[in-house]
N, C-alpha and C. Protein backbone atom coordinates (compact mmCIF):
# COMPACT_ATOMS: atom_id res chain seq x y z
N MET A 1 -171.02 132.65 64.38
CA MET A 1 -171.34 131.71 64.65
C MET A 1 -172.72 131.78 64.45
N ASN A 2 -173.64 130.76 64.12
CA ASN A 2 -175.25 130.68 64.13
C ASN A 2 -175.87 129.82 64.87
N LEU A 3 -177.19 130.21 64.61
CA LEU A 3 -178.16 129.61 65.62
C LEU A 3 -177.92 127.87 65.37
N THR A 4 -177.25 127.37 65.06
CA THR A 4 -176.81 125.35 64.84
C THR A 4 -175.78 125.61 65.74
N GLU A 5 -174.95 126.85 65.96
CA GLU A 5 -173.82 125.88 66.31
C GLU A 5 -174.32 126.97 67.72
N LEU A 6 -174.62 127.66 68.12
CA LEU A 6 -175.26 128.14 69.44
C LEU A 6 -175.96 126.86 69.99
N LYS A 7 -176.88 126.52 69.51
CA LYS A 7 -177.03 125.46 70.14
C LYS A 7 -176.76 124.38 70.44
N GLN A 8 -175.46 123.89 69.34
CA GLN A 8 -174.24 123.16 70.18
C GLN A 8 -173.72 124.01 71.49
N LYS A 9 -173.27 124.87 71.10
CA LYS A 9 -172.34 125.24 72.52
C LYS A 9 -173.63 125.75 74.00
N LEU A 10 -174.52 125.93 73.59
CA LEU A 10 -175.37 126.13 74.76
C LEU A 10 -175.60 124.32 75.55
N ASP A 11 -175.89 123.42 74.75
CA ASP A 11 -176.34 122.05 74.75
C ASP A 11 -174.66 121.68 76.06
N HIS A 12 -173.12 121.94 75.25
CA HIS A 12 -172.57 121.88 75.46
C HIS A 12 -172.04 122.13 77.11
N LEU A 13 -172.68 123.27 76.83
CA LEU A 13 -171.71 124.20 78.39
C LEU A 13 -173.19 124.07 79.45
N GLY A 14 -174.29 122.87 79.23
CA GLY A 14 -175.19 122.45 80.15
C GLY A 14 -176.00 122.97 80.39
N VAL A 15 -176.41 124.16 79.19
CA VAL A 15 -177.69 125.11 79.44
C VAL A 15 -179.10 124.28 79.33
N LYS A 16 -179.51 124.36 80.12
CA LYS A 16 -181.19 123.65 79.68
C LYS A 16 -182.03 124.49 78.72
N PRO A 17 -182.07 123.32 77.77
CA PRO A 17 -183.51 123.74 76.88
C PRO A 17 -184.55 124.61 77.06
N LYS A 18 -185.01 124.28 78.02
CA LYS A 18 -186.30 125.25 78.45
C LYS A 18 -185.89 127.01 79.21
N SER A 19 -184.29 126.91 79.28
CA SER A 19 -184.18 128.25 79.69
C SER A 19 -184.04 129.10 78.62
N TYR A 20 -184.01 128.55 77.13
CA TYR A 20 -183.86 129.60 76.06
C TYR A 20 -184.47 128.77 74.68
N SER A 21 -184.85 130.23 73.44
CA SER A 21 -185.32 129.57 72.70
C SER A 21 -184.52 130.39 71.50
N LEU A 22 -184.46 129.31 70.40
CA LEU A 22 -183.86 129.96 68.97
C LEU A 22 -184.18 129.69 68.15
N PHE A 23 -185.37 129.16 67.74
CA PHE A 23 -186.19 128.99 66.70
C PHE A 23 -187.88 129.25 66.16
N GLY A 24 -188.07 130.30 67.50
CA GLY A 24 -189.40 131.13 67.06
C GLY A 24 -190.53 130.67 67.93
N GLU A 25 -190.21 130.17 69.20
CA GLU A 25 -191.16 129.64 70.10
C GLU A 25 -191.02 130.79 71.22
N LEU A 26 -192.31 131.47 71.53
CA LEU A 26 -192.29 132.64 72.35
C LEU A 26 -192.62 132.04 73.50
N THR A 27 -192.12 131.45 74.28
CA THR A 27 -191.77 130.70 75.74
C THR A 27 -192.18 131.03 76.67
N PRO A 28 -192.94 131.70 78.10
CA PRO A 28 -192.40 132.82 78.40
C PRO A 28 -191.37 132.04 79.37
N ASP A 29 -190.55 133.10 80.60
CA ASP A 29 -189.86 132.68 81.04
C ASP A 29 -188.28 131.86 80.78
N THR A 30 -188.72 132.87 79.30
CA THR A 30 -187.06 131.88 78.41
C THR A 30 -186.48 132.96 78.04
N THR A 31 -185.26 132.78 77.92
CA THR A 31 -184.38 133.99 76.52
C THR A 31 -184.80 133.50 75.56
N ILE A 32 -185.12 134.29 74.86
CA ILE A 32 -185.56 134.42 73.45
C ILE A 32 -184.75 135.49 72.68
N LEU A 33 -183.73 134.41 71.22
CA LEU A 33 -183.26 135.19 70.23
C LEU A 33 -184.45 135.04 68.61
N VAL A 34 -184.44 135.82 68.57
CA VAL A 34 -185.32 135.90 67.19
C VAL A 34 -185.06 136.98 66.01
N ARG A 35 -185.33 136.40 64.79
CA ARG A 35 -185.20 137.29 63.77
C ARG A 35 -186.47 138.39 63.46
N ASN A 36 -186.19 139.00 63.74
CA ASN A 36 -187.26 140.38 63.17
C ASN A 36 -187.14 140.94 61.70
N TYR A 37 -187.77 140.52 61.25
CA TYR A 37 -186.84 141.48 59.53
C TYR A 37 -185.91 141.66 59.37
N TYR A 38 -185.21 142.77 59.56
CA TYR A 38 -183.73 142.77 59.19
C TYR A 38 -182.98 142.61 60.20
N LYS A 39 -183.67 142.69 61.51
CA LYS A 39 -182.66 142.61 62.59
C LYS A 39 -183.02 141.37 63.90
N TRP A 40 -181.99 141.14 64.62
CA TRP A 40 -182.21 139.89 65.53
C TRP A 40 -182.41 140.15 66.69
N GLU A 41 -183.23 139.59 67.48
CA GLU A 41 -183.58 140.75 68.69
C GLU A 41 -183.32 139.56 70.22
N VAL A 42 -182.93 139.53 71.27
CA VAL A 42 -182.91 139.04 72.13
C VAL A 42 -183.21 139.65 73.31
N PHE A 43 -183.96 138.73 74.06
CA PHE A 43 -184.88 139.22 75.66
C PHE A 43 -184.98 137.92 76.16
N TYR A 44 -186.06 138.40 77.16
CA TYR A 44 -186.40 137.29 77.93
C TYR A 44 -187.85 137.81 78.09
N LEU A 45 -188.03 136.49 77.87
CA LEU A 45 -190.05 137.29 78.10
C LEU A 45 -190.53 136.43 79.37
N ASP A 46 -190.82 137.66 80.28
CA ASP A 46 -191.64 136.78 81.71
C ASP A 46 -192.89 136.56 81.30
N GLU A 47 -193.33 136.08 82.07
CA GLU A 47 -194.50 135.35 82.70
C GLU A 47 -195.59 135.88 82.46
N ARG A 48 -195.82 137.41 82.09
CA ARG A 48 -196.54 138.29 81.54
C ARG A 48 -196.60 139.07 80.42
N GLY A 49 -195.65 138.29 79.77
CA GLY A 49 -195.45 138.44 78.56
C GLY A 49 -194.69 139.66 77.63
N GLY A 50 -193.78 140.45 78.76
CA GLY A 50 -193.05 141.28 78.98
C GLY A 50 -191.75 141.29 78.62
N ARG A 51 -191.02 141.79 77.46
CA ARG A 51 -190.13 142.06 77.34
C ARG A 51 -189.20 142.50 77.85
N ASN A 52 -188.13 141.65 78.76
CA ASN A 52 -186.94 142.45 79.57
C ASN A 52 -185.69 142.21 79.10
N ASP A 53 -184.50 143.27 79.47
CA ASP A 53 -183.47 143.33 78.68
C ASP A 53 -183.29 143.37 76.99
N GLU A 54 -183.78 143.57 76.18
CA GLU A 54 -184.21 143.78 75.15
C GLU A 54 -182.71 144.42 74.53
N GLN A 55 -182.30 143.47 73.64
CA GLN A 55 -180.85 143.74 72.61
C GLN A 55 -181.48 143.66 71.67
N THR A 56 -181.04 144.45 70.58
CA THR A 56 -181.29 144.20 68.96
C THR A 56 -179.43 144.41 68.35
N PHE A 57 -179.54 143.51 67.36
CA PHE A 57 -178.44 143.20 66.22
C PHE A 57 -178.71 142.75 64.82
N LEU A 58 -177.99 143.45 64.42
CA LEU A 58 -177.74 143.55 62.72
C LEU A 58 -177.39 142.46 62.00
N SER A 59 -176.39 141.69 62.65
CA SER A 59 -176.38 140.12 62.61
C SER A 59 -176.61 138.68 63.06
N GLU A 60 -176.93 137.96 62.62
CA GLU A 60 -176.99 137.36 63.48
C GLU A 60 -175.99 136.22 64.32
N SER A 61 -174.35 136.24 63.61
CA SER A 61 -173.60 136.03 64.44
C SER A 61 -173.71 136.90 65.73
N ASP A 62 -173.51 138.01 66.34
CA ASP A 62 -173.17 139.43 67.11
C ASP A 62 -174.44 138.58 67.88
N ALA A 63 -175.94 138.43 67.68
CA ALA A 63 -177.10 138.28 68.12
C ALA A 63 -176.29 136.87 69.13
N CYS A 64 -176.03 135.85 68.35
CA CYS A 64 -175.65 134.88 68.89
C CYS A 64 -174.39 134.85 69.70
N ASP A 65 -173.46 135.67 69.70
CA ASP A 65 -172.65 135.67 70.70
C ASP A 65 -172.94 136.11 71.48
N TYR A 66 -173.70 137.20 71.70
CA TYR A 66 -174.31 138.10 72.71
C TYR A 66 -175.37 137.39 73.95
N LEU A 67 -175.73 136.02 73.11
CA LEU A 67 -176.67 135.74 73.95
C LEU A 67 -175.55 134.14 74.67
N TYR A 68 -175.02 133.72 73.93
CA TYR A 68 -174.14 132.70 74.46
C TYR A 68 -172.89 133.37 75.65
N LYS A 69 -172.46 134.50 75.65
CA LYS A 69 -171.84 134.89 76.73
C LYS A 69 -172.38 135.35 77.83
N ILE A 70 -174.13 135.79 77.49
CA ILE A 70 -175.12 135.86 79.04
C ILE A 70 -175.31 134.41 79.39
N PHE A 71 -175.19 133.24 79.03
CA PHE A 71 -175.10 131.55 79.12
C PHE A 71 -173.94 131.44 79.75
N ALA A 72 -173.03 131.73 79.24
CA ALA A 72 -171.86 130.91 79.67
C ALA A 72 -171.12 132.01 80.93
N GLU A 73 -171.84 133.05 81.47
CA GLU A 73 -171.37 133.95 82.19
C GLU A 73 -172.26 133.49 83.25
N SER A 74 -173.65 133.06 83.49
CA SER A 74 -174.14 132.39 84.33
C SER A 74 -173.72 131.36 84.63
N ARG A 75 -173.20 130.74 83.97
CA ARG A 75 -172.65 128.88 83.88
C ARG A 75 -171.69 129.31 84.69
N ARG A 76 -170.92 130.06 84.78
CA ARG A 76 -169.72 130.79 85.36
C ARG A 76 -169.50 130.83 86.97
N ILE A 77 -170.89 131.85 86.79
CA ILE A 77 -171.52 131.79 88.42
C ILE A 77 -171.59 130.65 89.07
N GLU A 78 -172.86 130.22 88.17
CA GLU A 78 -173.26 128.80 89.22
C GLU A 78 -172.07 128.23 89.19
N ILE A 79 -170.88 127.49 88.62
CA ILE A 79 -170.02 126.72 89.24
C ILE A 79 -169.18 127.76 90.43
N LYS A 80 -168.81 128.67 90.50
CA LYS A 80 -167.87 129.61 91.28
C LYS A 80 -168.63 129.32 92.44
N TYR A 81 -170.22 129.73 92.15
CA TYR A 81 -171.05 129.65 93.82
C TYR A 81 -171.32 128.22 94.53
N GLY A 82 -171.44 127.29 93.37
CA GLY A 82 -172.13 126.04 93.62
C GLY A 82 -173.47 125.89 93.69
N VAL A 83 -173.83 126.46 92.58
CA VAL A 83 -175.40 126.80 92.37
C VAL A 83 -175.85 125.80 91.22
N ASN A 84 -176.97 125.56 91.37
CA ASN A 84 -177.17 124.30 90.15
C ASN A 84 -175.86 123.54 89.72
N THR A 85 -175.50 123.16 90.00
CA THR A 85 -174.44 122.38 89.63
C THR A 85 -174.47 120.53 89.34
């Protein structure tokens, strides 16, 4: 999966666009996927600029799969418990 495909899948899942950044924006209170030279990084950027739950990948596909799984699991829990549906 690439960034374009990931965006489509997140839209289909119903993930709010303000919840993530795929194209270089470093917006606080957002989960971010960014290419950093030869690696791909996924992390949550908190309101103070801190990186939380940071993961590094060597391929775009692995990073996209990881981020999709995070949001898919979150959505599954929201549906199961009737939160934000």
